[in-house]
Amino acid sequence: MRKEMGKAGVIAGGLVLVLCGAAFAQYPYQYPYSAGVHSGSVGVKLIGFLPNSDSDGLKDFSTGIGIGVDSRYDFGDYFALGVELDYIGVSSANEVYYDQATNAYYSYTEDFGSLALKLDALGTIPLNNIIPFFGLGLVYNNSTFNDTYYGSTSGVGIGLELVGGADFLMAGNGGITVEISVPINQYSDFNGVSVNVGGIEVMAGYRFLF
């Protein structure tokens, strides 16, 4: 888990530094954030998913990818509420199945996918054309495991997340957004079995201001 968090931190840090430099180089102090100018925004994001390494979770599953869209409403300069819908896929693990009839072991691939609905409370810090944000979110996960031997099984659960990132405002009514999400107790119930479906999400995309 620490290794994954370190990897995610390096990726997020690199994105922030590159985008921060690009924002200042192209739009130095020309498009300041101002209360009342924008009441909210809609963001479209690509997601890199780093699954947890828990034995009761996604141990041995590969990094997944996904897409997300969020709608955020600003309450003045320093607080916002956001609603987000994400889909994560591609994450998979190689498993071994023992067939008692043939007394043999067979290898197969198990796929993991998740649809998450999030409600985030965010603190925002307007710094000219860069707006860092951080906060806490409620997460509803609807996840599925699918393989050729056991078929498909789905589970749902509610957990929390810590969120941090920044919006880099550009010309017009838009800007680049980067974000990292760290799961807290994101367990889902699969026919009576509790499974940790959480993972670190590193996101980058574009935000439309309105």
N, C-alpha and C. Protein backbone atom coordinates (compact mmCIF):
# COMPACT_ATOMS: atom_id res chain seq x y z
N MET A 1 0.84 -1.20 0.00
CA MET A 1 0.00 0.00 0.00
C MET A 1 0.87 1.25 0.00
N ARG A 2 1.95 1.24 0.82
CA ARG A 2 2.83 2.39 0.87
C ARG A 2 3.51 2.60 -0.48
N LYS A 3 3.88 1.48 -1.14
CA LYS A 3 4.52 1.57 -2.43
C LYS A 3 3.59 2.20 -3.45
N GLU A 4 2.31 1.80 -3.41
CA GLU A 4 1.33 2.33 -4.34
C GLU A 4 1.09 3.82 -4.08
N MET A 5 1.02 4.21 -2.79
CA MET A 5 0.80 5.61 -2.46
C MET A 5 1.98 6.46 -2.91
N GLY A 6 3.21 5.91 -2.76
CA GLY A 6 4.38 6.63 -3.22
C GLY A 6 4.37 6.80 -4.72
N LYS A 7 4.00 5.73 -5.43
CA LYS A 7 3.92 5.78 -6.89
C LYS A 7 2.88 6.81 -7.33
N ALA A 8 1.72 6.81 -6.66
CA ALA A 8 0.67 7.77 -7.00
C ALA A 8 1.11 9.18 -6.72
N GLY A 9 1.82 9.38 -5.61
CA GLY A 9 2.28 10.71 -5.26
C GLY A 9 3.26 11.27 -6.28
N VAL A 10 4.17 10.41 -6.77
CA VAL A 10 5.12 10.85 -7.78
C VAL A 10 4.40 11.26 -9.06
N ILE A 11 3.43 10.44 -9.49
CA ILE A 11 2.67 10.74 -10.70
C ILE A 11 1.91 12.04 -10.55
N ALA A 12 1.18 12.19 -9.42
CA ALA A 12 0.40 13.40 -9.20
C ALA A 12 1.29 14.62 -9.08
N GLY A 13 2.41 14.47 -8.38
CA GLY A 13 3.33 15.60 -8.22
C GLY A 13 3.89 16.05 -9.55
N GLY A 14 4.26 15.08 -10.39
CA GLY A 14 4.78 15.43 -11.71
C GLY A 14 3.76 16.16 -12.55
N LEU A 15 2.51 15.69 -12.51
CA LEU A 15 1.44 16.35 -13.27
C LEU A 15 1.24 17.78 -12.79
N VAL A 16 1.22 17.97 -11.48
CA VAL A 16 1.00 19.31 -10.92
C VAL A 16 2.12 20.26 -11.34
N LEU A 17 3.37 19.81 -11.26
CA LEU A 17 4.50 20.67 -11.61
C LEU A 17 4.48 21.07 -13.08
N VAL A 18 4.23 20.08 -13.95
CA VAL A 18 4.21 20.37 -15.38
C VAL A 18 3.08 21.32 -15.74
N LEU A 19 1.87 21.04 -15.23
CA LEU A 19 0.73 21.87 -15.55
C LEU A 19 0.82 23.24 -14.93
N CYS A 20 1.39 23.31 -13.73
CA CYS A 20 1.58 24.60 -13.07
C CYS A 20 2.51 25.48 -13.90
N GLY A 21 3.62 24.90 -14.38
CA GLY A 21 4.55 25.66 -15.21
C GLY A 21 3.92 26.12 -16.50
N ALA A 22 3.12 25.23 -17.11
CA ALA A 22 2.45 25.58 -18.36
C ALA A 22 1.44 26.70 -18.15
N ALA A 23 0.72 26.64 -17.05
CA ALA A 23 -0.30 27.66 -16.78
C ALA A 23 0.33 29.04 -16.59
N PHE A 24 1.42 29.10 -15.83
CA PHE A 24 2.05 30.39 -15.59
C PHE A 24 2.76 30.91 -16.85
N ALA A 25 3.33 29.98 -17.62
CA ALA A 25 4.05 30.39 -18.82
C ALA A 25 3.12 30.98 -19.87
N GLN A 26 1.92 30.40 -20.00
CA GLN A 26 1.00 30.82 -21.06
C GLN A 26 0.04 31.91 -20.61
N TYR A 27 -0.35 31.91 -19.36
CA TYR A 27 -1.36 32.85 -18.90
C TYR A 27 -0.95 33.50 -17.58
N PRO A 28 0.14 34.23 -17.55
CA PRO A 28 0.61 34.81 -16.29
C PRO A 28 -0.29 35.93 -15.79
N TYR A 29 -1.03 35.63 -14.74
CA TYR A 29 -1.83 36.63 -14.04
C TYR A 29 -2.84 37.36 -14.95
N GLN A 30 -3.32 36.67 -15.97
CA GLN A 30 -4.25 37.32 -16.87
C GLN A 30 -5.70 36.92 -16.62
N TYR A 31 -5.91 35.80 -15.96
CA TYR A 31 -7.28 35.32 -15.79
C TYR A 31 -7.54 34.97 -14.33
N PRO A 32 -7.50 35.96 -13.44
CA PRO A 32 -7.67 35.70 -12.01
C PRO A 32 -9.06 35.18 -11.67
N TYR A 33 -9.09 34.33 -10.67
CA TYR A 33 -10.37 33.83 -10.16
C TYR A 33 -11.06 34.96 -9.40
N SER A 34 -12.35 35.10 -9.59
CA SER A 34 -13.07 36.15 -8.89
C SER A 34 -14.42 35.62 -8.43
N ALA A 35 -14.74 35.82 -7.18
CA ALA A 35 -16.02 35.36 -6.65
C ALA A 35 -17.16 36.00 -7.44
N GLY A 36 -18.14 35.18 -7.78
CA GLY A 36 -19.29 35.67 -8.49
C GLY A 36 -19.17 35.55 -10.00
N VAL A 37 -17.92 35.42 -10.52
CA VAL A 37 -17.73 35.26 -11.95
C VAL A 37 -18.17 33.87 -12.40
N HIS A 38 -17.81 32.84 -11.61
CA HIS A 38 -18.21 31.47 -11.91
C HIS A 38 -18.92 30.88 -10.68
N SER A 39 -20.02 30.22 -10.92
CA SER A 39 -20.76 29.61 -9.81
C SER A 39 -20.50 28.12 -9.69
N GLY A 40 -19.86 27.53 -10.70
CA GLY A 40 -19.59 26.11 -10.65
C GLY A 40 -18.83 25.64 -11.87
N SER A 41 -18.72 24.32 -12.02
CA SER A 41 -17.96 23.77 -13.13
C SER A 41 -18.35 22.32 -13.37
N VAL A 42 -17.99 21.83 -14.55
CA VAL A 42 -18.15 20.42 -14.91
C VAL A 42 -16.80 19.92 -15.40
N GLY A 43 -16.32 18.81 -14.86
CA GLY A 43 -15.03 18.27 -15.24
C GLY A 43 -15.14 16.90 -15.87
N VAL A 44 -14.32 16.66 -16.88
CA VAL A 44 -14.22 15.35 -17.53
C VAL A 44 -12.79 14.86 -17.33
N LYS A 45 -12.62 13.61 -16.79
CA LYS A 45 -11.30 13.18 -16.36
C LYS A 45 -10.96 11.76 -16.80
N LEU A 46 -9.66 11.52 -17.05
CA LEU A 46 -9.12 10.18 -17.21
C LEU A 46 -8.56 9.75 -15.86
N ILE A 47 -8.69 8.46 -15.55
CA ILE A 47 -8.35 7.97 -14.21
C ILE A 47 -7.37 6.81 -14.29
N GLY A 48 -6.31 6.89 -13.48
CA GLY A 48 -5.43 5.75 -13.26
C GLY A 48 -5.76 5.16 -11.89
N PHE A 49 -6.07 3.87 -11.85
CA PHE A 49 -6.55 3.23 -10.61
C PHE A 49 -5.47 2.28 -10.08
N LEU A 50 -4.99 2.55 -8.86
CA LEU A 50 -4.00 1.71 -8.19
C LEU A 50 -4.70 0.91 -7.10
N PRO A 51 -5.05 -0.35 -7.36
CA PRO A 51 -5.85 -1.14 -6.41
C PRO A 51 -5.11 -1.40 -5.11
N ASN A 52 -5.89 -1.55 -4.03
CA ASN A 52 -5.30 -1.89 -2.74
C ASN A 52 -4.65 -3.27 -2.82
N SER A 53 -3.72 -3.53 -1.91
CA SER A 53 -2.99 -4.80 -1.90
C SER A 53 -3.42 -5.71 -0.75
N ASP A 54 -4.63 -5.47 -0.21
CA ASP A 54 -5.12 -6.28 0.90
C ASP A 54 -5.54 -7.67 0.44
N SER A 55 -5.31 -8.67 1.30
CA SER A 55 -5.70 -10.05 0.97
C SER A 55 -7.22 -10.19 0.92
N ASP A 56 -7.96 -9.32 1.61
CA ASP A 56 -9.42 -9.34 1.55
C ASP A 56 -9.94 -8.31 0.55
N GLY A 57 -9.04 -7.91 -0.35
CA GLY A 57 -9.40 -6.90 -1.33
C GLY A 57 -8.90 -7.24 -2.72
N LEU A 58 -8.07 -6.37 -3.28
CA LEU A 58 -7.64 -6.50 -4.67
C LEU A 58 -6.17 -6.88 -4.79
N LYS A 59 -5.70 -7.70 -3.88
CA LYS A 59 -4.31 -8.18 -3.91
C LYS A 59 -4.04 -8.88 -5.24
N ASP A 60 -2.93 -8.52 -5.87
CA ASP A 60 -2.46 -9.10 -7.14
C ASP A 60 -3.23 -8.60 -8.37
N PHE A 61 -4.17 -7.68 -8.18
CA PHE A 61 -4.86 -7.11 -9.34
C PHE A 61 -3.99 -6.01 -9.95
N SER A 62 -4.08 -5.86 -11.26
CA SER A 62 -3.26 -4.90 -11.97
C SER A 62 -3.85 -3.49 -11.90
N THR A 63 -3.04 -2.52 -12.28
CA THR A 63 -3.50 -1.13 -12.36
C THR A 63 -4.63 -1.02 -13.37
N GLY A 64 -5.70 -0.32 -12.99
CA GLY A 64 -6.83 -0.14 -13.89
C GLY A 64 -6.87 1.27 -14.45
N ILE A 65 -7.74 1.46 -15.42
CA ILE A 65 -7.94 2.79 -15.98
C ILE A 65 -9.44 3.07 -16.02
N GLY A 66 -9.79 4.33 -16.11
CA GLY A 66 -11.21 4.66 -16.13
C GLY A 66 -11.46 6.07 -16.61
N ILE A 67 -12.73 6.45 -16.57
CA ILE A 67 -13.15 7.79 -16.94
C ILE A 67 -14.10 8.30 -15.86
N GLY A 68 -14.20 9.61 -15.75
CA GLY A 68 -15.08 10.19 -14.75
C GLY A 68 -15.61 11.55 -15.19
N VAL A 69 -16.73 11.92 -14.63
CA VAL A 69 -17.29 13.24 -14.86
C VAL A 69 -17.82 13.76 -13.54
N ASP A 70 -17.59 15.03 -13.24
CA ASP A 70 -18.09 15.59 -11.99
C ASP A 70 -18.71 16.95 -12.23
N SER A 71 -19.62 17.31 -11.36
CA SER A 71 -20.24 18.63 -11.38
C SER A 71 -20.01 19.26 -10.02
N ARG A 72 -19.50 20.46 -10.02
CA ARG A 72 -19.12 21.12 -8.77
C ARG A 72 -19.82 22.47 -8.67
N TYR A 73 -20.34 22.77 -7.49
CA TYR A 73 -20.97 24.07 -7.24
C TYR A 73 -20.17 24.82 -6.18
N ASP A 74 -19.78 26.07 -6.49
CA ASP A 74 -18.96 26.87 -5.60
C ASP A 74 -19.82 27.74 -4.68
N PHE A 75 -19.50 27.71 -3.40
CA PHE A 75 -20.11 28.60 -2.42
C PHE A 75 -19.07 29.65 -2.04
N GLY A 76 -19.03 30.74 -2.82
CA GLY A 76 -18.00 31.74 -2.60
C GLY A 76 -16.65 31.24 -3.07
N ASP A 77 -15.58 31.80 -2.48
CA ASP A 77 -14.22 31.48 -2.92
C ASP A 77 -13.63 30.23 -2.28
N TYR A 78 -14.16 29.81 -1.12
CA TYR A 78 -13.41 28.86 -0.32
C TYR A 78 -14.12 27.54 -0.02
N PHE A 79 -15.28 27.30 -0.59
CA PHE A 79 -15.98 26.05 -0.32
C PHE A 79 -16.77 25.62 -1.55
N ALA A 80 -16.81 24.31 -1.79
CA ALA A 80 -17.55 23.78 -2.93
C ALA A 80 -18.09 22.39 -2.60
N LEU A 81 -19.20 22.02 -3.23
CA LEU A 81 -19.76 20.68 -3.17
C LEU A 81 -19.70 20.07 -4.57
N GLY A 82 -19.30 18.81 -4.63
CA GLY A 82 -19.18 18.16 -5.93
C GLY A 82 -19.86 16.81 -5.95
N VAL A 83 -20.45 16.48 -7.10
CA VAL A 83 -21.02 15.16 -7.35
C VAL A 83 -20.26 14.55 -8.51
N GLU A 84 -19.84 13.30 -8.38
CA GLU A 84 -18.98 12.69 -9.40
C GLU A 84 -19.42 11.26 -9.70
N LEU A 85 -19.30 10.86 -10.97
CA LEU A 85 -19.59 9.50 -11.39
C LEU A 85 -18.36 8.97 -12.13
N ASP A 86 -17.79 7.86 -11.63
CA ASP A 86 -16.57 7.28 -12.21
C ASP A 86 -16.81 5.82 -12.62
N TYR A 87 -16.14 5.42 -13.68
CA TYR A 87 -16.11 4.00 -14.03
C TYR A 87 -14.66 3.55 -14.13
N ILE A 88 -14.34 2.45 -13.44
CA ILE A 88 -13.00 1.87 -13.47
C ILE A 88 -13.08 0.48 -14.09
N GLY A 89 -12.16 0.19 -15.00
CA GLY A 89 -12.12 -1.13 -15.62
C GLY A 89 -10.70 -1.55 -15.88
N VAL A 90 -10.54 -2.63 -16.65
CA VAL A 90 -9.27 -3.16 -17.14
C VAL A 90 -8.45 -3.87 -16.05
N SER A 91 -8.64 -3.56 -14.80
CA SER A 91 -7.90 -4.20 -13.72
C SER A 91 -8.21 -5.70 -13.68
N SER A 92 -7.17 -6.52 -13.61
CA SER A 92 -7.37 -7.97 -13.63
C SER A 92 -6.29 -8.67 -12.83
N ALA A 93 -6.53 -9.96 -12.52
CA ALA A 93 -5.58 -10.78 -11.79
C ALA A 93 -5.59 -12.19 -12.35
N ASN A 94 -4.43 -12.84 -12.35
CA ASN A 94 -4.33 -14.24 -12.78
C ASN A 94 -4.58 -15.14 -11.58
N GLU A 95 -5.56 -16.02 -11.71
CA GLU A 95 -5.95 -16.90 -10.62
C GLU A 95 -5.75 -18.36 -11.02
N VAL A 96 -5.80 -19.24 -10.00
CA VAL A 96 -5.66 -20.68 -10.25
C VAL A 96 -6.89 -21.39 -9.72
N TYR A 97 -7.45 -22.30 -10.54
CA TYR A 97 -8.66 -23.05 -10.18
C TYR A 97 -8.33 -24.53 -10.11
N TYR A 98 -8.76 -25.19 -9.02
CA TYR A 98 -8.55 -26.63 -8.87
C TYR A 98 -9.82 -27.38 -9.22
N ASP A 99 -9.75 -28.22 -10.23
CA ASP A 99 -10.89 -29.02 -10.68
C ASP A 99 -10.82 -30.40 -10.05
N GLN A 100 -11.74 -30.67 -9.10
CA GLN A 100 -11.72 -31.95 -8.40
C GLN A 100 -12.03 -33.12 -9.32
N ALA A 101 -12.82 -32.88 -10.35
CA ALA A 101 -13.20 -33.97 -11.28
C ALA A 101 -11.99 -34.49 -12.05
N THR A 102 -11.11 -33.58 -12.44
CA THR A 102 -9.93 -33.99 -13.22
C THR A 102 -8.65 -34.01 -12.39
N ASN A 103 -8.76 -33.56 -11.12
CA ASN A 103 -7.61 -33.51 -10.22
C ASN A 103 -6.48 -32.69 -10.85
N ALA A 104 -6.85 -31.53 -11.39
CA ALA A 104 -5.87 -30.69 -12.07
C ALA A 104 -6.13 -29.23 -11.76
N TYR A 105 -5.08 -28.43 -11.91
CA TYR A 105 -5.16 -26.99 -11.70
C TYR A 105 -5.23 -26.28 -13.05
N TYR A 106 -6.07 -25.25 -13.11
CA TYR A 106 -6.19 -24.46 -14.33
C TYR A 106 -6.03 -22.98 -13.99
N SER A 107 -5.33 -22.26 -14.83
CA SER A 107 -5.16 -20.83 -14.62
C SER A 107 -6.20 -20.07 -15.44
N TYR A 108 -6.64 -18.93 -14.91
CA TYR A 108 -7.61 -18.10 -15.60
C TYR A 108 -7.43 -16.65 -15.14
N THR A 109 -8.09 -15.76 -15.82
CA THR A 109 -8.01 -14.33 -15.50
C THR A 109 -9.31 -13.85 -14.89
N GLU A 110 -9.20 -13.12 -13.78
CA GLU A 110 -10.37 -12.53 -13.13
C GLU A 110 -10.35 -11.03 -13.36
N ASP A 111 -11.43 -10.48 -13.87
CA ASP A 111 -11.53 -9.06 -14.17
C ASP A 111 -12.33 -8.32 -13.09
N PHE A 112 -11.89 -7.09 -12.81
CA PHE A 112 -12.57 -6.26 -11.83
C PHE A 112 -13.01 -4.95 -12.49
N GLY A 113 -14.23 -4.53 -12.19
CA GLY A 113 -14.74 -3.25 -12.66
C GLY A 113 -15.61 -2.62 -11.60
N SER A 114 -15.68 -1.29 -11.60
CA SER A 114 -16.45 -0.61 -10.56
C SER A 114 -17.06 0.68 -11.09
N LEU A 115 -18.30 0.92 -10.69
CA LEU A 115 -18.98 2.18 -10.95
C LEU A 115 -19.16 2.87 -9.61
N ALA A 116 -18.64 4.10 -9.49
CA ALA A 116 -18.66 4.79 -8.20
C ALA A 116 -19.38 6.13 -8.32
N LEU A 117 -20.26 6.38 -7.36
CA LEU A 117 -20.95 7.67 -7.25
C LEU A 117 -20.40 8.36 -6.00
N LYS A 118 -19.93 9.60 -6.15
CA LYS A 118 -19.25 10.29 -5.07
C LYS A 118 -19.89 11.64 -4.76
N LEU A 119 -19.90 12.00 -3.49
CA LEU A 119 -20.33 13.31 -3.03
C LEU A 119 -19.20 13.90 -2.20
N ASP A 120 -18.60 14.99 -2.68
CA ASP A 120 -17.42 15.57 -2.04
C ASP A 120 -17.69 16.95 -1.47
N ALA A 121 -17.17 17.19 -0.27
CA ALA A 121 -17.15 18.53 0.34
C ALA A 121 -15.72 19.03 0.26
N LEU A 122 -15.51 20.16 -0.42
CA LEU A 122 -14.16 20.62 -0.75
C LEU A 122 -13.88 22.02 -0.21
N GLY A 123 -12.68 22.19 0.29
CA GLY A 123 -12.17 23.51 0.58
C GLY A 123 -11.34 23.96 -0.62
N THR A 124 -11.50 25.20 -1.06
CA THR A 124 -10.78 25.71 -2.22
C THR A 124 -9.98 26.95 -1.85
N ILE A 125 -8.81 27.11 -2.51
CA ILE A 125 -7.92 28.23 -2.20
C ILE A 125 -7.59 28.94 -3.52
N PRO A 126 -8.30 30.01 -3.88
CA PRO A 126 -8.02 30.70 -5.14
C PRO A 126 -6.70 31.46 -5.09
N LEU A 127 -5.76 31.07 -5.95
CA LEU A 127 -4.46 31.72 -6.05
C LEU A 127 -4.28 32.17 -7.49
N ASN A 128 -4.86 33.30 -7.82
CA ASN A 128 -4.82 33.82 -9.18
C ASN A 128 -5.47 32.81 -10.12
N ASN A 129 -4.72 32.26 -11.08
CA ASN A 129 -5.31 31.33 -12.03
C ASN A 129 -5.11 29.87 -11.64
N ILE A 130 -4.70 29.61 -10.40
CA ILE A 130 -4.57 28.24 -9.89
C ILE A 130 -5.42 28.12 -8.63
N ILE A 131 -6.25 27.06 -8.58
CA ILE A 131 -7.13 26.86 -7.44
C ILE A 131 -6.89 25.47 -6.84
N PRO A 132 -6.02 25.35 -5.83
CA PRO A 132 -5.88 24.08 -5.12
C PRO A 132 -7.18 23.76 -4.36
N PHE A 133 -7.47 22.46 -4.21
CA PHE A 133 -8.65 22.05 -3.44
C PHE A 133 -8.34 20.77 -2.67
N PHE A 134 -9.07 20.56 -1.60
CA PHE A 134 -8.90 19.37 -0.76
C PHE A 134 -10.20 19.12 -0.02
N GLY A 135 -10.43 17.88 0.36
CA GLY A 135 -11.67 17.61 1.08
C GLY A 135 -11.91 16.14 1.36
N LEU A 136 -13.15 15.86 1.75
CA LEU A 136 -13.60 14.53 2.14
C LEU A 136 -14.84 14.18 1.35
N GLY A 137 -14.93 12.92 0.92
CA GLY A 137 -16.07 12.52 0.11
C GLY A 137 -16.71 11.21 0.56
N LEU A 138 -18.00 11.09 0.29
CA LEU A 138 -18.76 9.86 0.51
C LEU A 138 -18.81 9.11 -0.82
N VAL A 139 -18.52 7.79 -0.80
CA VAL A 139 -18.41 7.01 -2.04
C VAL A 139 -19.33 5.80 -1.99
N TYR A 140 -20.16 5.68 -3.03
CA TYR A 140 -21.00 4.49 -3.21
C TYR A 140 -20.42 3.67 -4.36
N ASN A 141 -19.97 2.45 -4.07
CA ASN A 141 -19.36 1.58 -5.08
C ASN A 141 -20.31 0.46 -5.49
N ASN A 142 -20.42 0.24 -6.79
CA ASN A 142 -21.11 -0.92 -7.36
C ASN A 142 -20.07 -1.65 -8.20
N SER A 143 -19.52 -2.74 -7.65
CA SER A 143 -18.37 -3.40 -8.25
C SER A 143 -18.71 -4.80 -8.74
N THR A 144 -17.92 -5.28 -9.70
CA THR A 144 -18.15 -6.59 -10.30
C THR A 144 -16.84 -7.34 -10.51
N PHE A 145 -16.83 -8.63 -10.15
CA PHE A 145 -15.75 -9.54 -10.49
C PHE A 145 -16.29 -10.53 -11.53
N ASN A 146 -15.50 -10.79 -12.56
CA ASN A 146 -15.97 -11.67 -13.62
C ASN A 146 -14.84 -12.60 -14.07
N ASP A 147 -15.14 -13.90 -14.13
CA ASP A 147 -14.18 -14.86 -14.67
C ASP A 147 -14.91 -16.04 -15.30
N THR A 148 -14.18 -16.89 -16.00
CA THR A 148 -14.79 -17.96 -16.78
C THR A 148 -15.27 -19.13 -15.93
N TYR A 149 -14.73 -19.30 -14.71
CA TYR A 149 -15.10 -20.44 -13.88
C TYR A 149 -16.25 -20.13 -12.93
N TYR A 150 -16.16 -19.00 -12.25
CA TYR A 150 -17.17 -18.68 -11.25
C TYR A 150 -18.24 -17.72 -11.77
N GLY A 151 -18.05 -17.24 -12.98
CA GLY A 151 -19.03 -16.32 -13.55
C GLY A 151 -18.87 -14.92 -13.00
N SER A 152 -19.95 -14.16 -13.01
CA SER A 152 -19.92 -12.77 -12.59
C SER A 152 -20.63 -12.61 -11.25
N THR A 153 -20.02 -11.84 -10.35
CA THR A 153 -20.65 -11.54 -9.07
C THR A 153 -20.48 -10.05 -8.78
N SER A 154 -21.52 -9.44 -8.25
CA SER A 154 -21.51 -8.00 -7.99
C SER A 154 -21.74 -7.71 -6.52
N GLY A 155 -21.24 -6.58 -6.08
CA GLY A 155 -21.42 -6.16 -4.70
C GLY A 155 -21.49 -4.65 -4.60
N VAL A 156 -22.13 -4.18 -3.55
CA VAL A 156 -22.26 -2.74 -3.34
C VAL A 156 -21.80 -2.38 -1.93
N GLY A 157 -21.40 -1.15 -1.75
CA GLY A 157 -20.97 -0.69 -0.44
C GLY A 157 -20.74 0.81 -0.42
N ILE A 158 -20.67 1.36 0.77
CA ILE A 158 -20.45 2.79 0.96
C ILE A 158 -19.18 3.01 1.78
N GLY A 159 -18.33 3.92 1.33
CA GLY A 159 -17.10 4.24 2.04
C GLY A 159 -16.79 5.73 1.94
N LEU A 160 -15.54 6.07 2.24
CA LEU A 160 -15.11 7.47 2.21
C LEU A 160 -13.86 7.61 1.36
N GLU A 161 -13.51 8.86 1.03
CA GLU A 161 -12.27 9.15 0.33
C GLU A 161 -11.73 10.50 0.77
N LEU A 162 -10.41 10.61 0.73
CA LEU A 162 -9.73 11.90 0.88
C LEU A 162 -9.37 12.38 -0.51
N VAL A 163 -9.61 13.67 -0.79
CA VAL A 163 -9.41 14.21 -2.13
C VAL A 163 -8.50 15.43 -2.07
N GLY A 164 -7.62 15.55 -3.05
CA GLY A 164 -6.78 16.73 -3.17
C GLY A 164 -6.40 16.95 -4.62
N GLY A 165 -6.17 18.20 -5.00
CA GLY A 165 -5.80 18.48 -6.38
C GLY A 165 -5.76 19.96 -6.64
N ALA A 166 -5.83 20.31 -7.92
CA ALA A 166 -5.80 21.71 -8.31
C ALA A 166 -6.41 21.90 -9.69
N ASP A 167 -7.04 23.06 -9.87
CA ASP A 167 -7.54 23.49 -11.18
C ASP A 167 -6.63 24.60 -11.70
N PHE A 168 -6.22 24.48 -12.97
CA PHE A 168 -5.37 25.47 -13.60
C PHE A 168 -6.19 26.20 -14.65
N LEU A 169 -6.67 27.40 -14.29
CA LEU A 169 -7.56 28.14 -15.18
C LEU A 169 -6.80 28.67 -16.38
N MET A 170 -7.46 28.60 -17.54
CA MET A 170 -6.86 29.04 -18.79
C MET A 170 -7.77 30.06 -19.45
N ALA A 171 -7.43 30.44 -20.68
CA ALA A 171 -8.23 31.43 -21.40
C ALA A 171 -9.64 30.93 -21.59
N GLY A 172 -10.61 31.83 -21.52
CA GLY A 172 -11.99 31.43 -21.68
C GLY A 172 -12.55 30.85 -20.40
N ASN A 173 -13.55 30.02 -20.53
CA ASN A 173 -14.22 29.43 -19.37
C ASN A 173 -13.82 27.97 -19.17
N GLY A 174 -12.55 27.73 -18.94
CA GLY A 174 -12.10 26.36 -18.75
C GLY A 174 -10.73 26.29 -18.15
N GLY A 175 -10.26 25.08 -17.93
CA GLY A 175 -8.94 24.88 -17.37
C GLY A 175 -8.63 23.42 -17.18
N ILE A 176 -7.36 23.12 -16.92
CA ILE A 176 -6.90 21.76 -16.66
C ILE A 176 -7.11 21.43 -15.19
N THR A 177 -7.54 20.21 -14.91
CA THR A 177 -7.73 19.78 -13.53
C THR A 177 -6.94 18.51 -13.26
N VAL A 178 -6.29 18.44 -12.11
CA VAL A 178 -5.58 17.23 -11.66
C VAL A 178 -6.04 16.92 -10.24
N GLU A 179 -6.06 15.63 -9.92
CA GLU A 179 -6.65 15.23 -8.64
C GLU A 179 -6.12 13.87 -8.21
N ILE A 180 -6.04 13.66 -6.91
CA ILE A 180 -5.72 12.35 -6.36
C ILE A 180 -6.73 12.01 -5.28
N SER A 181 -7.19 10.76 -5.27
CA SER A 181 -8.19 10.31 -4.30
C SER A 181 -7.63 9.10 -3.56
N VAL A 182 -7.71 9.14 -2.23
CA VAL A 182 -7.23 8.05 -1.38
C VAL A 182 -8.43 7.42 -0.66
N PRO A 183 -8.66 6.11 -0.82
CA PRO A 183 -9.85 5.48 -0.24
C PRO A 183 -9.77 5.31 1.27
N ILE A 184 -10.93 5.36 1.93
CA ILE A 184 -11.04 5.07 3.35
C ILE A 184 -12.18 4.07 3.56
N ASN A 185 -11.83 2.87 3.97
CA ASN A 185 -12.82 1.86 4.35
C ASN A 185 -13.87 1.62 3.25
N GLN A 186 -13.42 1.39 2.04
CA GLN A 186 -14.36 1.16 0.94
C GLN A 186 -14.59 -0.35 0.73
N TYR A 187 -15.42 -0.91 1.59
CA TYR A 187 -15.77 -2.33 1.52
C TYR A 187 -17.14 -2.50 0.88
N SER A 188 -17.27 -3.57 0.08
CA SER A 188 -18.55 -3.90 -0.53
C SER A 188 -18.92 -5.34 -0.18
N ASP A 189 -20.22 -5.61 -0.15
CA ASP A 189 -20.72 -6.93 0.21
C ASP A 189 -21.00 -7.75 -1.04
N PHE A 190 -20.34 -8.91 -1.17
CA PHE A 190 -20.54 -9.83 -2.28
C PHE A 190 -21.13 -11.13 -1.73
N ASN A 191 -22.46 -11.19 -1.70
CA ASN A 191 -23.16 -12.39 -1.21
C ASN A 191 -22.67 -12.80 0.17
N GLY A 192 -22.56 -11.83 1.07
CA GLY A 192 -22.16 -12.11 2.44
C GLY A 192 -20.67 -12.02 2.69
N VAL A 193 -19.88 -11.83 1.65
CA VAL A 193 -18.43 -11.70 1.79
C VAL A 193 -18.04 -10.24 1.62
N SER A 194 -17.34 -9.69 2.62
CA SER A 194 -16.92 -8.29 2.57
C SER A 194 -15.58 -8.16 1.85
N VAL A 195 -15.52 -7.34 0.80
CA VAL A 195 -14.32 -7.19 -0.01
C VAL A 195 -13.93 -5.72 -0.09
N ASN A 196 -12.65 -5.45 0.12
CA ASN A 196 -12.13 -4.09 0.00
C ASN A 196 -11.93 -3.77 -1.48
N VAL A 197 -12.74 -2.88 -2.02
CA VAL A 197 -12.68 -2.56 -3.45
C VAL A 197 -12.03 -1.20 -3.70
N GLY A 198 -11.45 -0.60 -2.68
CA GLY A 198 -10.87 0.72 -2.81
C GLY A 198 -9.51 0.71 -3.49
N GLY A 199 -9.12 1.86 -4.01
CA GLY A 199 -7.81 2.03 -4.61
C GLY A 199 -7.50 3.50 -4.77
N ILE A 200 -6.23 3.83 -4.86
CA ILE A 200 -5.82 5.21 -5.11
C ILE A 200 -6.13 5.57 -6.56
N GLU A 201 -6.76 6.72 -6.77
CA GLU A 201 -7.09 7.18 -8.11
C GLU A 201 -6.32 8.46 -8.42
N VAL A 202 -5.59 8.44 -9.52
CA VAL A 202 -4.88 9.62 -10.00
C VAL A 202 -5.59 10.10 -11.26
N MET A 203 -6.04 11.35 -11.27
CA MET A 203 -6.91 11.84 -12.34
C MET A 203 -6.37 13.11 -12.97
N ALA A 204 -6.63 13.25 -14.27
CA ALA A 204 -6.28 14.47 -15.00
C ALA A 204 -7.33 14.68 -16.08
N GLY A 205 -7.72 15.93 -16.30
CA GLY A 205 -8.73 16.19 -17.31
C GLY A 205 -8.95 17.67 -17.55
N TYR A 206 -10.12 18.01 -18.04
CA TYR A 206 -10.45 19.40 -18.38
C TYR A 206 -11.71 19.80 -17.65
N ARG A 207 -11.73 21.05 -17.16
CA ARG A 207 -12.88 21.55 -16.41
C ARG A 207 -13.51 22.74 -17.14
N PHE A 208 -14.83 22.67 -17.31
CA PHE A 208 -15.59 23.74 -17.95
C PHE A 208 -16.28 24.57 -16.87
N LEU A 209 -16.01 25.85 -16.84
CA LEU A 209 -16.58 26.74 -15.83
C LEU A 209 -17.88 27.36 -16.32
N PHE A 210 -18.83 27.54 -15.39
CA PHE A 210 -20.09 28.20 -15.76
C PHE A 210 -20.53 29.15 -14.66
